[in-house]
């Protein structure tokens, strides 16, 4: 069995005692973070990953262009 086709996170292969293979979700890849901006001046304050609820710093570049 191959890893799930979900690019949002890393997948970790876990062999089971009965010979089957299961896959568990690993670290998030933060593919679609959302900008968090200040209400008063619109300053970029941070990014929020909707897949794992992680707050990323405003300087974060990741996969954004």
PDB file of N, CA and C in Angstrom:
ATOM      1  N   UNK A   1       0.846  -1.180   0.000  1.00  0.00           N
ATOM      2  CA  UNK A   1       0.000   0.000   0.000  1.00  0.00           C
ATOM      3  C   UNK A   1       0.886   1.236   0.000  1.00  0.00           C
ATOM      4  N   UNK A   2       0.585   2.201  -0.853  1.00  0.00           N
ATOM      5  CA  UNK A   2       1.392   3.406  -0.928  1.00  0.00           C
ATOM      6  C   UNK A   2       0.821   4.496  -0.013  1.00  0.00           C
ATOM      7  N   UNK A   3       1.625   5.531   0.188  1.00  0.00           N
ATOM      8  CA  UNK A   3       1.222   6.640   1.059  1.00  0.00           C
ATOM      9  C   UNK A   3      -0.024   7.325   0.495  1.00  0.00           C
ATOM     10  N   UNK A   4      -0.859   7.881   1.373  1.00  0.00           N
ATOM     11  CA  UNK A   4      -2.037   8.624   0.909  1.00  0.00           C
ATOM     12  C   UNK A   4      -1.626   9.788   0.011  1.00  0.00           C
ATOM     13  N   UNK A   5      -2.472  10.114  -0.938  1.00  0.00           N
ATOM     14  CA  UNK A   5      -2.198  11.192  -1.875  1.00  0.00           C
ATOM     15  C   UNK A   5      -2.716  12.510  -1.303  1.00  0.00           C
ATOM     16  N   UNK A   6      -2.067  12.986  -0.259  1.00  0.00           N
ATOM     17  CA  UNK A   6      -2.449  14.236   0.397  1.00  0.00           C
ATOM     18  C   UNK A   6      -1.173  15.027   0.665  1.00  0.00           C
ATOM     19  N   UNK A   7      -0.867  16.032  -0.149  1.00  0.00           N
ATOM     20  CA  UNK A   7       0.390  16.758  -0.021  1.00  0.00           C
ATOM     21  C   UNK A   7       0.451  17.723   1.162  1.00  0.00           C
ATOM     22  N   UNK A   8      -0.659  17.873   1.904  1.00  0.00           N
ATOM     23  CA  UNK A   8      -0.659  18.825   3.017  1.00  0.00           C
ATOM     24  C   UNK A   8       0.295  18.435   4.133  1.00  0.00           C
ATOM     25  N   UNK A   9       0.659  17.157   4.215  1.00  0.00           N
ATOM     26  CA  UNK A   9       1.541  16.733   5.299  1.00  0.00           C
ATOM     27  C   UNK A   9       2.461  15.612   4.840  1.00  0.00           C
ATOM     28  N   UNK A  10       3.478  15.368   5.648  1.00  0.00           N
ATOM     29  CA  UNK A  10       4.372  14.239   5.414  1.00  0.00           C
ATOM     30  C   UNK A  10       3.652  12.980   5.909  1.00  0.00           C
ATOM     31  N   UNK A  11       3.934  11.846   5.298  1.00  0.00           N
ATOM     32  CA  UNK A  11       3.316  10.587   5.703  1.00  0.00           C
ATOM     33  C   UNK A  11       4.402   9.628   6.166  1.00  0.00           C
ATOM     34  N   UNK A  12       4.155   8.964   7.287  1.00  0.00           N
ATOM     35  CA  UNK A  12       5.127   8.061   7.896  1.00  0.00           C
ATOM     36  C   UNK A  12       4.613   6.628   7.775  1.00  0.00           C
ATOM     37  N   UNK A  13       5.445   5.778   7.194  1.00  0.00           N
ATOM     38  CA  UNK A  13       5.076   4.373   7.003  1.00  0.00           C
ATOM     39  C   UNK A  13       5.264   3.611   8.312  1.00  0.00           C
ATOM     40  N   UNK A  14       4.240   2.887   8.723  1.00  0.00           N
ATOM     41  CA  UNK A  14       4.279   2.115   9.970  1.00  0.00           C
ATOM     42  C   UNK A  14       3.939   0.659   9.676  1.00  0.00           C
ATOM     43  N   UNK A  15       4.962  -0.202   9.601  1.00  0.00           N
ATOM     44  CA  UNK A  15       4.679  -1.621   9.392  1.00  0.00           C
ATOM     45  C   UNK A  15       3.998  -2.221  10.627  1.00  0.00           C
ATOM     46  N   UNK A  16       2.968  -3.009  10.410  1.00  0.00           N
ATOM     47  CA  UNK A  16       2.233  -3.645  11.502  1.00  0.00           C
ATOM     48  C   UNK A  16       2.768  -5.058  11.710  1.00  0.00           C
ATOM     49  N   UNK A  17       2.503  -5.637  12.878  1.00  0.00           N
ATOM     50  CA  UNK A  17       2.988  -6.979  13.222  1.00  0.00           C
ATOM     51  C   UNK A  17       2.447  -8.054  12.283  1.00  0.00           C
ATOM     52  N   UNK A  18       1.255  -7.833  11.735  1.00  0.00           N
ATOM     53  CA  UNK A  18       0.654  -8.831  10.850  1.00  0.00           C
ATOM     54  C   UNK A  18       1.099  -8.675   9.389  1.00  0.00           C
ATOM     55  N   UNK A  19       2.063  -7.784   9.132  1.00  0.00           N
ATOM     56  CA  UNK A  19       2.593  -7.618   7.783  1.00  0.00           C
ATOM     57  C   UNK A  19       1.957  -6.491   6.986  1.00  0.00           C
ATOM     58  N   UNK A  20       0.837  -5.957   7.480  1.00  0.00           N
ATOM     59  CA  UNK A  20       0.220  -4.825   6.788  1.00  0.00           C
ATOM     60  C   UNK A  20       1.039  -3.564   7.020  1.00  0.00           C
ATOM     61  N   UNK A  21       0.821  -2.580   6.196  1.00  0.00           N
ATOM     62  CA  UNK A  21       1.456  -1.279   6.370  1.00  0.00           C
ATOM     63  C   UNK A  21       0.379  -0.233   6.565  1.00  0.00           C
ATOM     64  N   UNK A  22       0.530   0.564   7.598  1.00  0.00           N
ATOM     65  CA  UNK A  22      -0.377   1.690   7.811  1.00  0.00           C
ATOM     66  C   UNK A  22       0.430   2.971   7.688  1.00  0.00           C
ATOM     67  N   UNK A  23      -0.247   4.060   7.343  1.00  0.00           N
ATOM     68  CA  UNK A  23       0.395   5.356   7.192  1.00  0.00           C
ATOM     69  C   UNK A  23      -0.200   6.322   8.199  1.00  0.00           C
ATOM     70  N   UNK A  24       0.659   7.026   8.937  1.00  0.00           N
ATOM     71  CA  UNK A  24       0.176   8.035   9.869  1.00  0.00           C
ATOM     72  C   UNK A  24       0.649   9.406   9.400  1.00  0.00           C
ATOM     73  N   UNK A  25      -0.140  10.390   9.719  1.00  0.00           N
ATOM     74  CA  UNK A  25       0.177  11.753   9.299  1.00  0.00           C
ATOM     75  C   UNK A  25       1.318  12.309  10.143  1.00  0.00           C
ATOM     76  N   UNK A  26       2.282  12.886   9.462  1.00  0.00           N
ATOM     77  CA  UNK A  26       3.427  13.495  10.134  1.00  0.00           C
ATOM     78  C   UNK A  26       3.309  15.012  10.124  1.00  0.00           C
ATOM     79  N   UNK A  27       4.437  15.679   9.956  1.00  0.00           N
ATOM     80  CA  UNK A  27       4.493  17.141  10.002  1.00  0.00           C
ATOM     81  C   UNK A  27       3.701  17.777   8.860  1.00  0.00           C
ATOM     82  N   UNK A  28       3.072  18.893   9.162  1.00  0.00           N
ATOM     83  CA  UNK A  28       2.310  19.638   8.163  1.00  0.00           C
ATOM     84  C   UNK A  28       3.273  20.396   7.245  1.00  0.00           C
ATOM     85  N   UNK A  29       2.929  20.485   5.969  1.00  0.00           N
ATOM     86  CA  UNK A  29       3.751  21.214   4.995  1.00  0.00           C
ATOM     87  C   UNK A  29       3.337  22.675   4.852  1.00  0.00           C
ATOM     88  N   UNK A  30       2.287  23.111   5.531  1.00  0.00           N
ATOM     89  CA  UNK A  30       1.806  24.504   5.504  1.00  0.00           C
ATOM     90  C   UNK A  30       1.678  25.009   4.065  1.00  0.00           C
ATOM     91  N   UNK A  31       0.908  24.310   3.237  1.00  0.00           N
ATOM     92  CA  UNK A  31       0.801  24.643   1.820  1.00  0.00           C
ATOM     93  C   UNK A  31      -0.085  25.856   1.524  1.00  0.00           C
ATOM     94  N   UNK A  32      -1.081  26.126   2.351  1.00  0.00           N
ATOM     95  CA  UNK A  32      -2.009  27.221   2.074  1.00  0.00           C
ATOM     96  C   UNK A  32      -2.229  28.111   3.297  1.00  0.00           C
ATOM     97  N   UNK A  33      -1.148  28.711   3.818  1.00  0.00           N
ATOM     98  CA  UNK A  33      -1.320  29.574   4.988  1.00  0.00           C
ATOM     99  C   UNK A  33      -2.107  30.843   4.645  1.00  0.00           C
ATOM    100  N   UNK A  34      -2.799  31.368   5.634  1.00  0.00           N
ATOM    101  CA  UNK A  34      -3.621  32.554   5.467  1.00  0.00           C
ATOM    102  C   UNK A  34      -2.933  33.720   6.173  1.00  0.00           C
ATOM    103  N   UNK A  35      -2.911  34.878   5.521  1.00  0.00           N
ATOM    104  CA  UNK A  35      -2.319  36.062   6.145  1.00  0.00           C
ATOM    105  C   UNK A  35      -3.178  36.533   7.308  1.00  0.00           C
ATOM    106  N   UNK A  36      -2.527  36.977   8.389  1.00  0.00           N
ATOM    107  CA  UNK A  36      -3.210  37.601   9.513  1.00  0.00           C
ATOM    108  C   UNK A  36      -2.731  39.050   9.530  1.00  0.00           C
ATOM    109  N   UNK A  37      -3.649  39.980   9.318  1.00  0.00           N
ATOM    110  CA  UNK A  37      -3.292  41.396   9.228  1.00  0.00           C
ATOM    111  C   UNK A  37      -3.958  42.188  10.344  1.00  0.00           C
ATOM    112  N   UNK A  38      -3.272  43.257  10.766  1.00  0.00           N
ATOM    113  CA  UNK A  38      -3.816  44.144  11.787  1.00  0.00           C
ATOM    114  C   UNK A  38      -5.037  44.879  11.271  1.00  0.00           C
ATOM    115  N   UNK A  39      -6.025  45.084  12.130  1.00  0.00           N
ATOM    116  CA  UNK A  39      -7.267  45.748  11.745  1.00  0.00           C
ATOM    117  C   UNK A  39      -7.031  47.232  11.491  1.00  0.00           C
ATOM    118  N   UNK A  40      -6.204  47.866  12.293  1.00  0.00           N
ATOM    119  CA  UNK A  40      -6.011  49.310  12.210  1.00  0.00           C
ATOM    120  C   UNK A  40      -5.211  49.723  10.981  1.00  0.00           C
ATOM    121  N   UNK A  41      -4.036  49.090  10.789  1.00  0.00           N
ATOM    122  CA  UNK A  41      -3.151  49.553   9.721  1.00  0.00           C
ATOM    123  C   UNK A  41      -2.903  48.526   8.615  1.00  0.00           C
ATOM    124  N   UNK A  42      -3.468  47.350   8.714  1.00  0.00           N
ATOM    125  CA  UNK A  42      -3.292  46.334   7.680  1.00  0.00           C
ATOM    126  C   UNK A  42      -1.923  45.686   7.671  1.00  0.00           C
ATOM    127  N   UNK A  43      -1.127  45.935   8.705  1.00  0.00           N
ATOM    128  CA  UNK A  43       0.216  45.345   8.784  1.00  0.00           C
ATOM    129  C   UNK A  43       0.132  43.823   8.852  1.00  0.00           C
ATOM    130  N   UNK A  44       1.031  43.168   8.126  1.00  0.00           N
ATOM    131  CA  UNK A  44       1.099  41.710   8.171  1.00  0.00           C
ATOM    132  C   UNK A  44       1.669  41.289   9.523  1.00  0.00           C
ATOM    133  N   UNK A  45       0.864  40.590  10.313  1.00  0.00           N
ATOM    134  CA  UNK A  45       1.272  40.200  11.660  1.00  0.00           C
ATOM    135  C   UNK A  45       1.799  38.772  11.721  1.00  0.00           C
ATOM    136  N   UNK A  46       1.203  37.888  10.941  1.00  0.00           N
ATOM    137  CA  UNK A  46       1.575  36.473  10.989  1.00  0.00           C
ATOM    138  C   UNK A  46       0.867  35.747   9.846  1.00  0.00           C
ATOM    139  N   UNK A  47       1.100  34.446   9.772  1.00  0.00           N
ATOM    140  CA  UNK A  47       0.355  33.559   8.881  1.00  0.00           C
ATOM    141  C   UNK A  47      -0.258  32.478   9.757  1.00  0.00           C
ATOM    142  N   UNK A  48      -1.403  31.950   9.353  1.00  0.00           N
ATOM    143  CA  UNK A  48      -2.055  30.866  10.071  1.00  0.00           C
ATOM    144  C   UNK A  48      -2.297  29.728   9.092  1.00  0.00           C
ATOM    145  N   UNK A  49      -1.846  28.543   9.461  1.00  0.00           N
ATOM    146  CA  UNK A  49      -2.063  27.362   8.632  1.00  0.00           C
ATOM    147  C   UNK A  49      -3.419  26.757   8.999  1.00  0.00           C
ATOM    148  N   UNK A  50      -4.375  26.737   8.065  1.00  0.00           N
ATOM    149  CA  UNK A  50      -5.695  26.182   8.373  1.00  0.00           C
ATOM    150  C   UNK A  50      -5.714  24.660   8.511  1.00  0.00           C
ATOM    151  N   UNK A  51      -4.661  23.997   8.019  1.00  0.00           N
ATOM    152  CA  UNK A  51      -4.617  22.535   8.111  1.00  0.00           C
ATOM    153  C   UNK A  51      -4.224  22.045   9.498  1.00  0.00           C
ATOM    154  N   UNK A  52      -3.340  22.810  10.186  1.00  0.00           N
ATOM    155  CA  UNK A  52      -2.865  22.341  11.493  1.00  0.00           C
ATOM    156  C   UNK A  52      -2.986  23.400  12.589  1.00  0.00           C
ATOM    157  N   UNK A  53      -3.551  24.558  12.258  1.00  0.00           N
ATOM    158  CA  UNK A  53      -3.739  25.663  13.212  1.00  0.00           C
ATOM    159  C   UNK A  53      -2.438  26.203  13.791  1.00  0.00           C
ATOM    160  N   UNK A  54      -1.345  26.098  13.061  1.00  0.00           N
ATOM    161  CA  UNK A  54      -0.069  26.635  13.519  1.00  0.00           C
ATOM    162  C   UNK A  54       0.043  28.091  13.110  1.00  0.00           C
ATOM    163  N   UNK A  55       0.474  28.932  14.064  1.00  0.00           N
ATOM    164  CA  UNK A  55       0.745  30.329  13.743  1.00  0.00           C
ATOM    165  C   UNK A  55       2.196  30.437  13.296  1.00  0.00           C
ATOM    166  N   UNK A  56       2.402  31.004  12.113  1.00  0.00           N
ATOM    167  CA  UNK A  56       3.733  31.164  11.545  1.00  0.00           C
ATOM    168  C   UNK A  56       4.097  32.645  11.588  1.00  0.00           C
ATOM    169  N   UNK A  57       5.376  32.984  11.742  1.00  0.00           N
ATOM    170  CA  UNK A  57       5.770  34.390  11.843  1.00  0.00           C
ATOM    171  C   UNK A  57       5.519  35.151  10.540  1.00  0.00           C
ATOM    172  N   UNK A  58       5.426  36.469  10.643  1.00  0.00           N
ATOM    173  CA  UNK A  58       5.181  37.321   9.476  1.00  0.00           C
ATOM    174  C   UNK A  58       6.312  37.193   8.456  1.00  0.00           C
ATOM    175  N   UNK A  59       7.518  36.882   8.905  1.00  0.00           N
ATOM    176  CA  UNK A  59       8.671  36.748   8.017  1.00  0.00           C
ATOM    177  C   UNK A  59       8.698  35.404   7.301  1.00  0.00           C
ATOM    178  N   UNK A  60       7.776  34.535   7.629  1.00  0.00           N
ATOM    179  CA  UNK A  60       7.753  33.189   7.059  1.00  0.00           C
ATOM    180  C   UNK A  60       7.563  33.257   5.555  1.00  0.00           C
ATOM    181  N   UNK A  61       8.360  32.534   4.823  1.00  0.00           N
ATOM    182  CA  UNK A  61       8.276  32.516   3.354  1.00  0.00           C
ATOM    183  C   UNK A  61       7.607  31.250   2.866  1.00  0.00           C
ATOM    184  N   UNK A  62       8.014  30.095   3.377  1.00  0.00           N
ATOM    185  CA  UNK A  62       7.413  28.821   2.993  1.00  0.00           C
ATOM    186  C   UNK A  62       7.300  28.650   1.495  1.00  0.00           C
ATOM    187  N   UNK A  63       6.129  28.249   1.027  1.00  0.00           N
ATOM    188  CA  UNK A  63       5.918  28.003  -0.401  1.00  0.00           C
ATOM    189  C   UNK A  63       5.259  29.186  -1.091  1.00  0.00           C
ATOM    190  N   UNK A  64       5.067  30.298  -0.368  1.00  0.00           N
ATOM    191  CA  UNK A  64       4.448  31.463  -0.993  1.00  0.00           C
ATOM    192  C   UNK A  64       5.426  32.164  -1.917  1.00  0.00           C
ATOM    193  N   UNK A  65       4.925  32.764  -2.966  1.00  0.00           N
ATOM    194  CA  UNK A  65       5.779  33.524  -3.881  1.00  0.00           C
ATOM    195  C   UNK A  65       5.609  34.999  -3.618  1.00  0.00           C
TER     196      UNK A  65
END
